[in-house]
Amino acid sequence: MPEEGIALIIGVDRLLDMCRTVPNVIADSLACVVIANSEERTGSDESGWLITYFIKFI
């Protein structure tokens, strides 16, 4: 396989990897919000600001 082809595949794969990472991070964050809501642990302390933000976002 030519070197130019390998470089193209690696470059495109890096972009696609970033596109695959975004939904994964969003889904993991949403799962944290759902679990926190089910355990009633939302926004009661300073570390809960992110969960509170996502609840308002949803």
C-alpha atoms as a PDB file:
ATOM      1  CA  MET A   1       0.000   0.000   0.000  1.00  0.00           C
ATOM      2  CA  PRO A   2       1.405   3.430  -0.885  1.00  0.00           C
ATOM      3  CA  GLU A   3       2.475   5.797   1.869  1.00  0.00           C
ATOM      4  CA  GLU A   4       0.089   8.518   0.645  1.00  0.00           C
ATOM      5  CA  GLY A   5      -2.856   6.163   1.065  1.00  0.00           C
ATOM      6  CA  ILE A   6      -1.862   5.299   4.621  1.00  0.00           C
ATOM      7  CA  ALA A   7      -1.471   8.995   5.498  1.00  0.00           C
ATOM      8  CA  LEU A   8      -4.925   9.731   4.070  1.00  0.00           C
ATOM      9  CA  ILE A   9      -6.522   6.895   6.038  1.00  0.00           C
ATOM     10  CA  ILE A  10      -4.854   8.013   9.273  1.00  0.00           C
ATOM     11  CA  GLY A  11      -5.933  11.639   8.728  1.00  0.00           C
ATOM     12  CA  VAL A  12      -9.540  10.728   7.983  1.00  0.00           C
ATOM     13  CA  ASP A  13      -9.667   8.238  10.860  1.00  0.00           C
ATOM     14  CA  ARG A  14      -8.592  10.913  13.336  1.00  0.00           C
ATOM     15  CA  LEU A  15     -11.464  13.161  12.240  1.00  0.00           C
ATOM     16  CA  LEU A  16     -13.952  10.291  12.379  1.00  0.00           C
ATOM     17  CA  ASP A  17     -12.655   9.312  15.816  1.00  0.00           C
ATOM     18  CA  MET A  18     -13.415  12.800  17.115  1.00  0.00           C
ATOM     19  CA  CYS A  19     -16.916  12.535  15.644  1.00  0.00           C
ATOM     20  CA  ARG A  20     -17.426   9.198  17.422  1.00  0.00           C
ATOM     21  CA  THR A  21     -16.178  10.620  20.728  1.00  0.00           C
ATOM     22  CA  VAL A  22     -18.712  13.473  20.942  1.00  0.00           C
ATOM     23  CA  PRO A  23     -21.858  11.284  21.141  1.00  0.00           C
ATOM     24  CA  ASN A  24     -20.084   8.967  23.568  1.00  0.00           C
ATOM     25  CA  VAL A  25     -19.298  11.828  25.962  1.00  0.00           C
ATOM     26  CA  ILE A  26     -22.842  13.197  25.671  1.00  0.00           C
ATOM     27  CA  ALA A  27     -24.366   9.772  26.335  1.00  0.00           C
ATOM     28  CA  ASP A  28     -22.119   9.198  29.357  1.00  0.00           C
ATOM     29  CA  SER A  29     -23.042  12.619  30.755  1.00  0.00           C
ATOM     30  CA  LEU A  30     -26.732  11.947  30.208  1.00  0.00           C
ATOM     31  CA  ALA A  31     -26.428   8.604  31.979  1.00  0.00           C
ATOM     32  CA  CYS A  32     -24.854  10.380  34.963  1.00  0.00           C
ATOM     33  CA  VAL A  33     -27.764  12.816  35.079  1.00  0.00           C
ATOM     34  CA  VAL A  34     -30.348  10.042  34.913  1.00  0.00           C
ATOM     35  CA  ILE A  35     -28.651   8.046  37.665  1.00  0.00           C
ATOM     36  CA  ALA A  36     -28.233  11.151  39.837  1.00  0.00           C
ATOM     37  CA  ASN A  37     -31.930  11.935  39.411  1.00  0.00           C
ATOM     38  CA  SER A  38     -32.924   8.401  40.310  1.00  0.00           C
ATOM     39  CA  GLU A  39     -30.813   8.615  43.472  1.00  0.00           C
ATOM     40  CA  GLU A  40     -31.958  12.188  44.206  1.00  0.00           C
ATOM     41  CA  ARG A  41     -28.424  13.570  44.305  1.00  0.00           C
ATOM     42  CA  THR A  42     -28.803  16.653  42.161  1.00  0.00           C
ATOM     43  CA  GLY A  43     -27.391  20.077  42.894  1.00  0.00           C
ATOM     44  CA  SER A  44     -27.132  19.717  46.674  1.00  0.00           C
ATOM     45  CA  ASP A  45     -23.478  20.734  46.832  1.00  0.00           C
ATOM     46  CA  GLU A  46     -20.933  22.642  44.776  1.00  0.00           C
ATOM     47  CA  SER A  47     -19.867  19.563  42.832  1.00  0.00           C
ATOM     48  CA  GLY A  48     -23.440  19.109  41.556  1.00  0.00           C
ATOM     49  CA  TRP A  49     -23.363  22.167  39.277  1.00  0.00           C
ATOM     50  CA  LEU A  50     -22.736  20.062  36.184  1.00  0.00           C
ATOM     51  CA  ILE A  51     -25.629  17.744  36.911  1.00  0.00           C
ATOM     52  CA  THR A  52     -27.886  20.737  37.557  1.00  0.00           C
ATOM     53  CA  TYR A  53     -26.777  22.265  34.257  1.00  0.00           C
ATOM     54  CA  PHE A  54     -27.588  19.116  32.303  1.00  0.00           C
ATOM     55  CA  ILE A  55     -30.987  18.806  33.974  1.00  0.00           C
ATOM     56  CA  LYS A  56     -31.837  22.348  32.859  1.00  0.00           C
ATOM     57  CA  PHE A  57     -30.462  21.582  29.391  1.00  0.00           C
ATOM     58  CA  ILE A  58     -32.694  18.528  28.988  1.00  0.00           C
END
